[in-house]
Amino acid sequence: MPIISLVQRGATMASDAGFAMRLAAKRQRRAADEAEKPLQSYRDEELRRMKLNFYGFDPSYHVARYNFIHKVPKSRTPLTIAGHRSRRAPDRPVGMAVPS
């Protein structure tokens, strides 16, 4: 899509009579979400999880980081990419649940 048509589309959307109402409703939802759980809480949770990655007992992050930095190739292609290597039934795609 050319840039000019994007600019025209944006201008058309902004001049729409319902735009101001939709924007006000979005601001209200955002304020309600922020009152329920502030954005800083999400940031703090993410930092706690990151700290576990860096300093927790599971070394997989450090192994993955080392392999990435040193360009160590994977020992095998993940089955999500190479589904033909799966031992599943040939008529069932990878990730499909087994009927019970």
PDB file of N, CA and C in Angstrom:
ATOM      1  N   MET A   1       0.852  -1.169   0.000  1.00  0.00           N
ATOM      2  CA  MET A   1       0.000   0.000   0.000  1.00  0.00           C
ATOM      3  C   MET A   1       0.901   1.237   0.000  1.00  0.00           C
ATOM      4  N   PRO A   2       0.727   2.114  -0.973  1.00  0.00           N
ATOM      5  CA  PRO A   2       1.555   3.324  -1.038  1.00  0.00           C
ATOM      6  C   PRO A   2       1.361   4.212   0.185  1.00  0.00           C
ATOM      7  N   ILE A   3       2.388   4.992   0.473  1.00  0.00           N
ATOM      8  CA  ILE A   3       2.355   5.875   1.644  1.00  0.00           C
ATOM      9  C   ILE A   3       1.223   6.881   1.545  1.00  0.00           C
ATOM     10  N   ILE A   4       0.999   7.429   0.372  1.00  0.00           N
ATOM     11  CA  ILE A   4      -0.055   8.438   0.209  1.00  0.00           C
ATOM     12  C   ILE A   4      -1.404   7.843   0.598  1.00  0.00           C
ATOM     13  N   SER A   5      -1.706   6.628   0.155  1.00  0.00           N
ATOM     14  CA  SER A   5      -2.998   6.046   0.492  1.00  0.00           C
ATOM     15  C   SER A   5      -3.097   5.768   1.990  1.00  0.00           C
ATOM     16  N   LEU A   6      -1.981   5.449   2.637  1.00  0.00           N
ATOM     17  CA  LEU A   6      -1.995   5.268   4.088  1.00  0.00           C
ATOM     18  C   LEU A   6      -2.314   6.582   4.788  1.00  0.00           C
ATOM     19  N   VAL A   7      -1.716   7.671   4.315  1.00  0.00           N
ATOM     20  CA  VAL A   7      -1.984   8.985   4.890  1.00  0.00           C
ATOM     21  C   VAL A   7      -3.448   9.353   4.673  1.00  0.00           C
ATOM     22  N   GLN A   8      -3.944   9.099   3.478  1.00  0.00           N
ATOM     23  CA  GLN A   8      -5.350   9.400   3.185  1.00  0.00           C
ATOM     24  C   GLN A   8      -6.276   8.548   4.051  1.00  0.00           C
ATOM     25  N   ARG A   9      -5.930   7.294   4.209  1.00  0.00           N
ATOM     26  CA  ARG A   9      -6.755   6.412   5.035  1.00  0.00           C
ATOM     27  C   ARG A   9      -6.766   6.884   6.490  1.00  0.00           C
ATOM     28  N   GLY A  10      -5.613   7.283   6.998  1.00  0.00           N
ATOM     29  CA  GLY A  10      -5.538   7.806   8.358  1.00  0.00           C
ATOM     30  C   GLY A  10      -6.356   9.070   8.527  1.00  0.00           C
ATOM     31  N   ALA A  11      -6.274   9.950   7.550  1.00  0.00           N
ATOM     32  CA  ALA A  11      -7.048  11.192   7.611  1.00  0.00           C
ATOM     33  C   ALA A  11      -8.544  10.908   7.569  1.00  0.00           C
ATOM     34  N   THR A  12      -8.933   9.946   6.767  1.00  0.00           N
ATOM     35  CA  THR A  12     -10.341   9.570   6.683  1.00  0.00           C
ATOM     36  C   THR A  12     -10.821   8.994   8.007  1.00  0.00           C
ATOM     37  N   MET A  13     -10.019   8.132   8.600  1.00  0.00           N
ATOM     38  CA  MET A  13     -10.387   7.542   9.885  1.00  0.00           C
ATOM     39  C   MET A  13     -10.481   8.610  10.970  1.00  0.00           C
ATOM     40  N   ALA A  14      -9.540   9.552  10.986  1.00  0.00           N
ATOM     41  CA  ALA A  14      -9.521  10.593  12.012  1.00  0.00           C
ATOM     42  C   ALA A  14     -10.685  11.556  11.870  1.00  0.00           C
ATOM     43  N   SER A  15     -11.160  11.756  10.644  1.00  0.00           N
ATOM     44  CA  SER A  15     -12.266  12.693  10.442  1.00  0.00           C
ATOM     45  C   SER A  15     -13.630  12.017  10.587  1.00  0.00           C
ATOM     46  N   ASP A  16     -13.650  10.718  10.806  1.00  0.00           N
ATOM     47  CA  ASP A  16     -14.902   9.982  11.002  1.00  0.00           C
ATOM     48  C   ASP A  16     -15.600  10.498  12.258  1.00  0.00           C
ATOM     49  N   ALA A  17     -16.911  10.658  12.190  1.00  0.00           N
ATOM     50  CA  ALA A  17     -17.694  11.207  13.305  1.00  0.00           C
ATOM     51  C   ALA A  17     -17.587  10.328  14.555  1.00  0.00           C
ATOM     52  N   GLY A  18     -17.463   9.024  14.413  1.00  0.00           N
ATOM     53  CA  GLY A  18     -17.398   8.130  15.554  1.00  0.00           C
ATOM     54  C   GLY A  18     -16.007   7.985  16.154  1.00  0.00           C
ATOM     55  N   PHE A  19     -15.018   8.580  15.508  1.00  0.00           N
ATOM     56  CA  PHE A  19     -13.636   8.437  15.975  1.00  0.00           C
ATOM     57  C   PHE A  19     -13.453   8.969  17.389  1.00  0.00           C
ATOM     58  N   ALA A  20     -13.967  10.142  17.652  1.00  0.00           N
ATOM     59  CA  ALA A  20     -13.819  10.750  18.981  1.00  0.00           C
ATOM     60  C   ALA A  20     -14.472   9.881  20.050  1.00  0.00           C
ATOM     61  N   MET A  21     -15.625   9.303  19.741  1.00  0.00           N
ATOM     62  CA  MET A  21     -16.303   8.436  20.708  1.00  0.00           C
ATOM     63  C   MET A  21     -15.498   7.159  20.950  1.00  0.00           C
ATOM     64  N   ARG A  22     -14.977   6.572  19.881  1.00  0.00           N
ATOM     65  CA  ARG A  22     -14.164   5.355  20.035  1.00  0.00           C
ATOM     66  C   ARG A  22     -12.899   5.646  20.830  1.00  0.00           C
ATOM     67  N   LEU A  23     -12.289   6.802  20.582  1.00  0.00           N
ATOM     68  CA  LEU A  23     -11.079   7.174  21.300  1.00  0.00           C
ATOM     69  C   LEU A  23     -11.383   7.407  22.780  1.00  0.00           C
ATOM     70  N   ALA A  24     -12.508   8.050  23.078  1.00  0.00           N
ATOM     71  CA  ALA A  24     -12.892   8.283  24.479  1.00  0.00           C
ATOM     72  C   ALA A  24     -13.167   6.957  25.184  1.00  0.00           C
ATOM     73  N   ALA A  25     -13.841   6.036  24.498  1.00  0.00           N
ATOM     74  CA  ALA A  25     -14.125   4.724  25.080  1.00  0.00           C
ATOM     75  C   ALA A  25     -12.824   3.968  25.337  1.00  0.00           C
ATOM     76  N   LYS A  26     -11.878   4.085  24.422  1.00  0.00           N
ATOM     77  CA  LYS A  26     -10.583   3.420  24.598  1.00  0.00           C
ATOM     78  C   LYS A  26      -9.855   4.003  25.807  1.00  0.00           C
ATOM     79  N   ARG A  27      -9.907   5.321  25.971  1.00  0.00           N
ATOM     80  CA  ARG A  27      -9.258   5.950  27.126  1.00  0.00           C
ATOM     81  C   ARG A  27      -9.905   5.492  28.430  1.00  0.00           C
ATOM     82  N   GLN A  28     -11.225   5.337  28.431  1.00  0.00           N
ATOM     83  CA  GLN A  28     -11.914   4.863  29.629  1.00  0.00           C
ATOM     84  C   GLN A  28     -11.502   3.433  29.968  1.00  0.00           C
ATOM     85  N   ARG A  29     -11.451   2.558  28.950  1.00  0.00           N
ATOM     86  CA  ARG A  29     -11.020   1.170  29.172  1.00  0.00           C
ATOM     87  C   ARG A  29      -9.593   1.133  29.705  1.00  0.00           C
ATOM     88  N   ARG A  30      -8.747   1.962  29.128  1.00  0.00           N
ATOM     89  CA  ARG A  30      -7.337   2.007  29.560  1.00  0.00           C
ATOM     90  C   ARG A  30      -7.245   2.463  31.012  1.00  0.00           C
ATOM     91  N   ALA A  31      -8.013   3.476  31.386  1.00  0.00           N
ATOM     92  CA  ALA A  31      -7.998   3.967  32.765  1.00  0.00           C
ATOM     93  C   ALA A  31      -8.521   2.897  33.720  1.00  0.00           C
ATOM     94  N   ALA A  32      -9.566   2.179  33.305  1.00  0.00           N
ATOM     95  CA  ALA A  32     -10.114   1.110  34.149  1.00  0.00           C
ATOM     96  C   ALA A  32      -9.101  -0.022  34.300  1.00  0.00           C
ATOM     97  N   ASP A  33      -8.440  -0.386  33.212  1.00  0.00           N
ATOM     98  CA  ASP A  33      -7.401  -1.425  33.275  1.00  0.00           C
ATOM     99  C   ASP A  33      -6.261  -0.996  34.190  1.00  0.00           C
ATOM    100  N   GLU A  34      -5.851   0.249  34.070  1.00  0.00           N
ATOM    101  CA  GLU A  34      -4.751   0.769  34.880  1.00  0.00           C
ATOM    102  C   GLU A  34      -5.148   0.811  36.356  1.00  0.00           C
ATOM    103  N   ALA A  35      -6.432   1.122  36.638  1.00  0.00           N
ATOM    104  CA  ALA A  35      -6.896   1.153  38.028  1.00  0.00           C
ATOM    105  C   ALA A  35      -6.935  -0.259  38.618  1.00  0.00           C
ATOM    106  N   GLU A  36      -7.296  -1.234  37.787  1.00  0.00           N
ATOM    107  CA  GLU A  36      -7.361  -2.626  38.255  1.00  0.00           C
ATOM    108  C   GLU A  36      -5.970  -3.199  38.510  1.00  0.00           C
ATOM    109  N   LYS A  37      -5.077  -2.993  37.550  1.00  0.00           N
ATOM    110  CA  LYS A  37      -3.703  -3.492  37.688  1.00  0.00           C
ATOM    111  C   LYS A  37      -2.782  -2.538  36.936  1.00  0.00           C
ATOM    112  N   PRO A  38      -2.017  -1.752  37.659  1.00  0.00           N
ATOM    113  CA  PRO A  38      -1.138  -0.771  37.002  1.00  0.00           C
ATOM    114  C   PRO A  38      -0.096  -1.431  36.103  1.00  0.00           C
ATOM    115  N   LEU A  39       0.286  -0.692  35.085  1.00  0.00           N
ATOM    116  CA  LEU A  39       1.287  -1.173  34.140  1.00  0.00           C
ATOM    117  C   LEU A  39       2.585  -1.534  34.859  1.00  0.00           C
ATOM    118  N   GLN A  40       2.923  -0.813  35.904  1.00  0.00           N
ATOM    119  CA  GLN A  40       4.142  -1.093  36.649  1.00  0.00           C
ATOM    120  C   GLN A  40       4.116  -2.499  37.249  1.00  0.00           C
ATOM    121  N   SER A  41       2.928  -2.994  37.609  1.00  0.00           N
ATOM    122  CA  SER A  41       2.814  -4.357  38.140  1.00  0.00           C
ATOM    123  C   SER A  41       3.234  -5.382  37.101  1.00  0.00           C
ATOM    124  N   TYR A  42       2.811  -5.166  35.853  1.00  0.00           N
ATOM    125  CA  TYR A  42       3.211  -6.076  34.776  1.00  0.00           C
ATOM    126  C   TYR A  42       4.729  -6.029  34.584  1.00  0.00           C
ATOM    127  N   ARG A  43       5.287  -4.836  34.645  1.00  0.00           N
ATOM    128  CA  ARG A  43       6.739  -4.696  34.490  1.00  0.00           C
ATOM    129  C   ARG A  43       7.476  -5.428  35.608  1.00  0.00           C
ATOM    130  N   ASP A  44       6.987  -5.252  36.844  1.00  0.00           N
ATOM    131  CA  ASP A  44       7.628  -5.916  37.983  1.00  0.00           C
ATOM    132  C   ASP A  44       7.562  -7.437  37.858  1.00  0.00           C
ATOM    133  N   GLU A  45       6.413  -7.964  37.414  1.00  0.00           N
ATOM    134  CA  GLU A  45       6.274  -9.416  37.219  1.00  0.00           C
ATOM    135  C   GLU A  45       7.257  -9.916  36.164  1.00  0.00           C
ATOM    136  N   GLU A  46       7.359  -9.167  35.077  1.00  0.00           N
ATOM    137  CA  GLU A  46       8.267  -9.584  34.015  1.00  0.00           C
ATOM    138  C   GLU A  46       9.713  -9.577  34.501  1.00  0.00           C
ATOM    139  N   LEU A  47      10.085  -8.568  35.278  1.00  0.00           N
ATOM    140  CA  LEU A  47      11.448  -8.520  35.810  1.00  0.00           C
ATOM    141  C   LEU A  47      11.716  -9.669  36.772  1.00  0.00           C
ATOM    142  N   ARG A  48      10.706 -10.071  37.554  1.00  0.00           N
ATOM    143  CA  ARG A  48      10.886 -11.221  38.451  1.00  0.00           C
ATOM    144  C   ARG A  48      11.134 -12.491  37.646  1.00  0.00           C
ATOM    145  N   ARG A  49      10.367 -12.673  36.553  1.00  0.00           N
ATOM    146  CA  ARG A  49      10.578 -13.853  35.708  1.00  0.00           C
ATOM    147  C   ARG A  49      11.953 -13.816  35.042  1.00  0.00           C
ATOM    148  N   MET A  50      12.362 -12.642  34.602  1.00  0.00           N
ATOM    149  CA  MET A  50      13.678 -12.514  33.979  1.00  0.00           C
ATOM    150  C   MET A  50      14.782 -12.843  34.982  1.00  0.00           C
ATOM    151  N   LYS A  51      14.600 -12.411  36.215  1.00  0.00           N
ATOM    152  CA  LYS A  51      15.599 -12.698  37.250  1.00  0.00           C
ATOM    153  C   LYS A  51      15.734 -14.203  37.465  1.00  0.00           C
ATOM    154  N   LEU A  52      14.591 -14.915  37.423  1.00  0.00           N
ATOM    155  CA  LEU A  52      14.655 -16.379  37.530  1.00  0.00           C
ATOM    156  C   LEU A  52      15.427 -16.980  36.364  1.00  0.00           C
ATOM    157  N   ASN A  53      15.236 -16.425  35.159  1.00  0.00           N
ATOM    158  CA  ASN A  53      15.992 -16.912  34.002  1.00  0.00           C
ATOM    159  C   ASN A  53      17.483 -16.733  34.216  1.00  0.00           C
ATOM    160  N   PHE A  54      17.876 -15.584  34.719  1.00  0.00           N
ATOM    161  CA  PHE A  54      19.299 -15.279  34.868  1.00  0.00           C
ATOM    162  C   PHE A  54      19.935 -15.982  36.051  1.00  0.00           C
ATOM    163  N   TYR A  55      19.214 -16.022  37.176  1.00  0.00           N
ATOM    164  CA  TYR A  55      19.828 -16.485  38.419  1.00  0.00           C
ATOM    165  C   TYR A  55      19.168 -17.719  39.021  1.00  0.00           C
ATOM    166  N   GLY A  56      18.160 -18.285  38.371  1.00  0.00           N
ATOM    167  CA  GLY A  56      17.463 -19.454  38.897  1.00  0.00           C
ATOM    168  C   GLY A  56      18.269 -20.730  38.697  1.00  0.00           C
ATOM    169  N   PHE A  57      17.631 -21.854  39.016  1.00  0.00           N
ATOM    170  CA  PHE A  57      18.318 -23.148  38.958  1.00  0.00           C
ATOM    171  C   PHE A  57      18.353 -23.750  37.561  1.00  0.00           C
ATOM    172  N   ASP A  58      17.495 -23.287  36.662  1.00  0.00           N
ATOM    173  CA  ASP A  58      17.426 -23.850  35.316  1.00  0.00           C
ATOM    174  C   ASP A  58      18.488 -23.203  34.426  1.00  0.00           C
ATOM    175  N   PRO A  59      19.485 -23.956  33.968  1.00  0.00           N
ATOM    176  CA  PRO A  59      20.566 -23.375  33.168  1.00  0.00           C
ATOM    177  C   PRO A  59      20.217 -23.229  31.679  1.00  0.00           C
ATOM    178  N   SER A  60      19.008 -23.584  31.272  1.00  0.00           N
ATOM    179  CA  SER A  60      18.700 -23.622  29.836  1.00  0.00           C
ATOM    180  C   SER A  60      18.858 -22.261  29.166  1.00  0.00           C
ATOM    181  N   TYR A  61      18.551 -21.162  29.877  1.00  0.00           N
ATOM    182  CA  TYR A  61      18.724 -19.831  29.290  1.00  0.00           C
ATOM    183  C   TYR A  61      20.190 -19.592  28.944  1.00  0.00           C
ATOM    184  N   HIS A  62      21.067 -19.893  29.874  1.00  0.00           N
ATOM    185  CA  HIS A  62      22.491 -19.646  29.658  1.00  0.00           C
ATOM    186  C   HIS A  62      23.053 -20.536  28.548  1.00  0.00           C
ATOM    187  N   VAL A  63      22.573 -21.759  28.481  1.00  0.00           N
ATOM    188  CA  VAL A  63      22.994 -22.670  27.405  1.00  0.00           C
ATOM    189  C   VAL A  63      22.520 -22.118  26.062  1.00  0.00           C
ATOM    190  N   ALA A  64      21.262 -21.706  26.005  1.00  0.00           N
ATOM    191  CA  ALA A  64      20.718 -21.162  24.755  1.00  0.00           C
ATOM    192  C   ALA A  64      21.454 -19.887  24.348  1.00  0.00           C
ATOM    193  N   ARG A  65      21.754 -19.021  25.320  1.00  0.00           N
ATOM    194  CA  ARG A  65      22.476 -17.779  25.032  1.00  0.00           C
ATOM    195  C   ARG A  65      23.878 -18.097  24.510  1.00  0.00           C
ATOM    196  N   TYR A  66      24.579 -19.011  25.162  1.00  0.00           N
ATOM    197  CA  TYR A  66      25.918 -19.395  24.728  1.00  0.00           C
ATOM    198  C   TYR A  66      25.873 -19.938  23.297  1.00  0.00           C
ATOM    199  N   ASN A  67      24.924 -20.845  23.042  1.00  0.00           N
ATOM    200  CA  ASN A  67      24.814 -21.440  21.709  1.00  0.00           C
ATOM    201  C   ASN A  67      24.500 -20.395  20.651  1.00  0.00           C
ATOM    202  N   PHE A  68      23.672 -19.417  20.990  1.00  0.00           N
ATOM    203  CA  PHE A  68      23.332 -18.358  20.040  1.00  0.00           C
ATOM    204  C   PHE A  68      24.552 -17.491  19.747  1.00  0.00           C
ATOM    205  N   ILE A  69      25.240 -17.064  20.791  1.00  0.00           N
ATOM    206  CA  ILE A  69      26.394 -16.181  20.623  1.00  0.00           C
ATOM    207  C   ILE A  69      27.513 -16.875  19.857  1.00  0.00           C
ATOM    208  N   HIS A  70      27.726 -18.143  20.144  1.00  0.00           N
ATOM    209  CA  HIS A  70      28.824 -18.880  19.511  1.00  0.00           C
ATOM    210  C   HIS A  70      28.380 -19.639  18.261  1.00  0.00           C
ATOM    211  N   LYS A  71      27.166 -19.385  17.816  1.00  0.00           N
ATOM    212  CA  LYS A  71      26.644 -19.984  16.567  1.00  0.00           C
ATOM    213  C   LYS A  71      26.723 -21.507  16.571  1.00  0.00           C
ATOM    214  N   VAL A  72      26.404 -22.104  17.721  1.00  0.00           N
ATOM    215  CA  VAL A  72      26.384 -23.559  17.828  1.00  0.00           C
ATOM    216  C   VAL A  72      25.102 -24.048  17.169  1.00  0.00           C
ATOM    217  N   PRO A  73      25.209 -24.907  16.154  1.00  0.00           N
ATOM    218  CA  PRO A  73      23.995 -25.368  15.477  1.00  0.00           C
ATOM    219  C   PRO A  73      23.185 -26.312  16.361  1.00  0.00           C
ATOM    220  N   LYS A  74      21.902 -26.371  16.098  1.00  0.00           N
ATOM    221  CA  LYS A  74      21.033 -27.299  16.815  1.00  0.00           C
ATOM    222  C   LYS A  74      21.473 -28.716  16.489  1.00  0.00           C
ATOM    223  N   SER A  75      21.305 -29.603  17.458  1.00  0.00           N
ATOM    224  CA  SER A  75      21.686 -30.991  17.213  1.00  0.00           C
ATOM    225  C   SER A  75      20.648 -31.698  16.353  1.00  0.00           C
ATOM    226  N   ARG A  76      19.411 -31.164  16.360  1.00  0.00           N
ATOM    227  CA  ARG A  76      18.368 -31.725  15.495  1.00  0.00           C
ATOM    228  C   ARG A  76      17.355 -30.633  15.209  1.00  0.00           C
ATOM    229  N   THR A  77      16.612 -30.807  14.149  1.00  0.00           N
ATOM    230  CA  THR A  77      15.559 -29.863  13.800  1.00  0.00           C
ATOM    231  C   THR A  77      14.339 -30.144  14.660  1.00  0.00           C
ATOM    232  N   PRO A  78      13.755 -29.114  15.300  1.00  0.00           N
ATOM    233  CA  PRO A  78      12.563 -29.346  16.126  1.00  0.00           C
ATOM    234  C   PRO A  78      11.422 -29.950  15.306  1.00  0.00           C
ATOM    235  N   LEU A  79      10.633 -30.807  15.929  1.00  0.00           N
ATOM    236  CA  LEU A  79       9.533 -31.463  15.216  1.00  0.00           C
ATOM    237  C   LEU A  79       8.473 -30.472  14.767  1.00  0.00           C
ATOM    238  N   THR A  80       8.422 -29.304  15.383  1.00  0.00           N
ATOM    239  CA  THR A  80       7.461 -28.299  14.924  1.00  0.00           C
ATOM    240  C   THR A  80       7.817 -27.804  13.532  1.00  0.00           C
ATOM    241  N   ILE A  81       9.088 -27.956  13.158  1.00  0.00           N
ATOM    242  CA  ILE A  81       9.531 -27.553  11.819  1.00  0.00           C
ATOM    243  C   ILE A  81       9.621 -28.765  10.900  1.00  0.00           C
ATOM    244  N   ALA A  82      10.120 -29.871  11.410  1.00  0.00           N
ATOM    245  CA  ALA A  82      10.312 -31.076  10.599  1.00  0.00           C
ATOM    246  C   ALA A  82       9.294 -32.139  11.013  1.00  0.00           C
ATOM    247  N   GLY A  83       8.038 -31.857  10.761  1.00  0.00           N
ATOM    248  CA  GLY A  83       6.967 -32.781  11.134  1.00  0.00           C
ATOM    249  C   GLY A  83       7.071 -34.129  10.472  1.00  0.00           C
ATOM    250  N   HIS A  84       7.725 -34.188   9.333  1.00  0.00           N
ATOM    251  CA  HIS A  84       7.873 -35.463   8.618  1.00  0.00           C
ATOM    252  C   HIS A  84       8.748 -36.449   9.389  1.00  0.00           C
ATOM    253  N   ARG A  85       9.490 -35.963  10.385  1.00  0.00           N
ATOM    254  CA  ARG A  85      10.343 -36.853  11.169  1.00  0.00           C
ATOM    255  C   ARG A  85       9.639 -37.410  12.396  1.00  0.00           C
ATOM    256  N   SER A  86       8.423 -36.969  12.611  1.00  0.00           N
ATOM    257  CA  SER A  86       7.676 -37.395  13.787  1.00  0.00           C
ATOM    258  C   SER A  86       7.289 -38.863  13.655  1.00  0.00           C
ATOM    259  N   ARG A  87       7.144 -39.526  14.798  1.00  0.00           N
ATOM    260  CA  ARG A  87       6.710 -40.930  14.799  1.00  0.00           C
ATOM    261  C   ARG A  87       5.193 -41.021  14.881  1.00  0.00           C
ATOM    262  N   ARG A  88       4.512 -39.909  14.695  1.00  0.00           N
ATOM    263  CA  ARG A  88       3.050 -39.875  14.726  1.00  0.00           C
ATOM    264  C   ARG A  88       2.489 -40.558  13.482  1.00  0.00           C
ATOM    265  N   ALA A  89       1.210 -40.820  13.546  1.00  0.00           N
ATOM    266  CA  ALA A  89       0.542 -41.400  12.379  1.00  0.00           C
ATOM    267  C   ALA A  89       0.678 -40.424  11.216  1.00  0.00           C
ATOM    268  N   PRO A  90       0.920 -40.913  10.008  1.00  0.00           N
ATOM    269  CA  PRO A  90       1.165 -40.026   8.866  1.00  0.00           C
ATOM    270  C   PRO A  90      -0.027 -39.136   8.514  1.00  0.00           C
ATOM    271  N   ASP A  91      -1.240 -39.526   8.905  1.00  0.00           N
ATOM    272  CA  ASP A  91      -2.410 -38.719   8.546  1.00  0.00           C
ATOM    273  C   ASP A  91      -2.727 -37.661   9.596  1.00  0.00           C
ATOM    274  N   ARG A  92      -1.938 -37.590  10.690  1.00  0.00           N
ATOM    275  CA  ARG A  92      -2.227 -36.642  11.739  1.00  0.00           C
ATOM    276  C   ARG A  92      -1.092 -35.608  11.824  1.00  0.00           C
ATOM    277  N   PRO A  93      -1.393 -34.329  11.615  1.00  0.00           N
ATOM    278  CA  PRO A  93      -0.331 -33.302  11.679  1.00  0.00           C
ATOM    279  C   PRO A  93       0.246 -33.181  13.081  1.00  0.00           C
ATOM    280  N   VAL A  94       1.449 -32.635  13.165  1.00  0.00           N
ATOM    281  CA  VAL A  94       2.103 -32.407  14.430  1.00  0.00           C
ATOM    282  C   VAL A  94       1.250 -31.430  15.254  1.00  0.00           C
ATOM    283  N   GLY A  95       1.093 -31.731  16.540  1.00  0.00           N
ATOM    284  CA  GLY A  95       0.333 -30.848  17.413  1.00  0.00           C
ATOM    285  C   GLY A  95      -1.123 -31.215  17.533  1.00  0.00           C
ATOM    286  N   MET A  96      -1.600 -32.130  16.715  1.00  0.00           N
ATOM    287  CA  MET A  96      -3.001 -32.512  16.769  1.00  0.00           C
ATOM    288  C   MET A  96      -3.200 -33.514  17.911  1.00  0.00           C
ATOM    289  N   ALA A  97      -4.240 -33.335  18.666  1.00  0.00           N
ATOM    290  CA  ALA A  97      -4.516 -34.183  19.822  1.00  0.00           C
ATOM    291  C   ALA A  97      -4.888 -35.601  19.386  1.00  0.00           C
ATOM    292  N   VAL A  98      -4.533 -36.542  20.219  1.00  0.00           N
ATOM    293  CA  VAL A  98      -4.873 -37.937  19.972  1.00  0.00           C
ATOM    294  C   VAL A  98      -6.300 -38.172  20.449  1.00  0.00           C
ATOM    295  N   PRO A  99      -7.188 -38.727  19.599  1.00  0.00           N
ATOM    296  CA  PRO A  99      -8.565 -38.977  20.028  1.00  0.00           C
ATOM    297  C   PRO A  99      -8.605 -39.992  21.170  1.00  0.00           C
ATOM    298  N   SER A 100      -9.512 -39.754  22.132  1.00  0.00           N
ATOM    299  CA  SER A 100      -9.584 -40.697  23.257  1.00  0.00           C
ATOM    300  C   SER A 100     -10.792 -41.593  23.173  1.00  0.00           C
TER     301      SER A 100
END
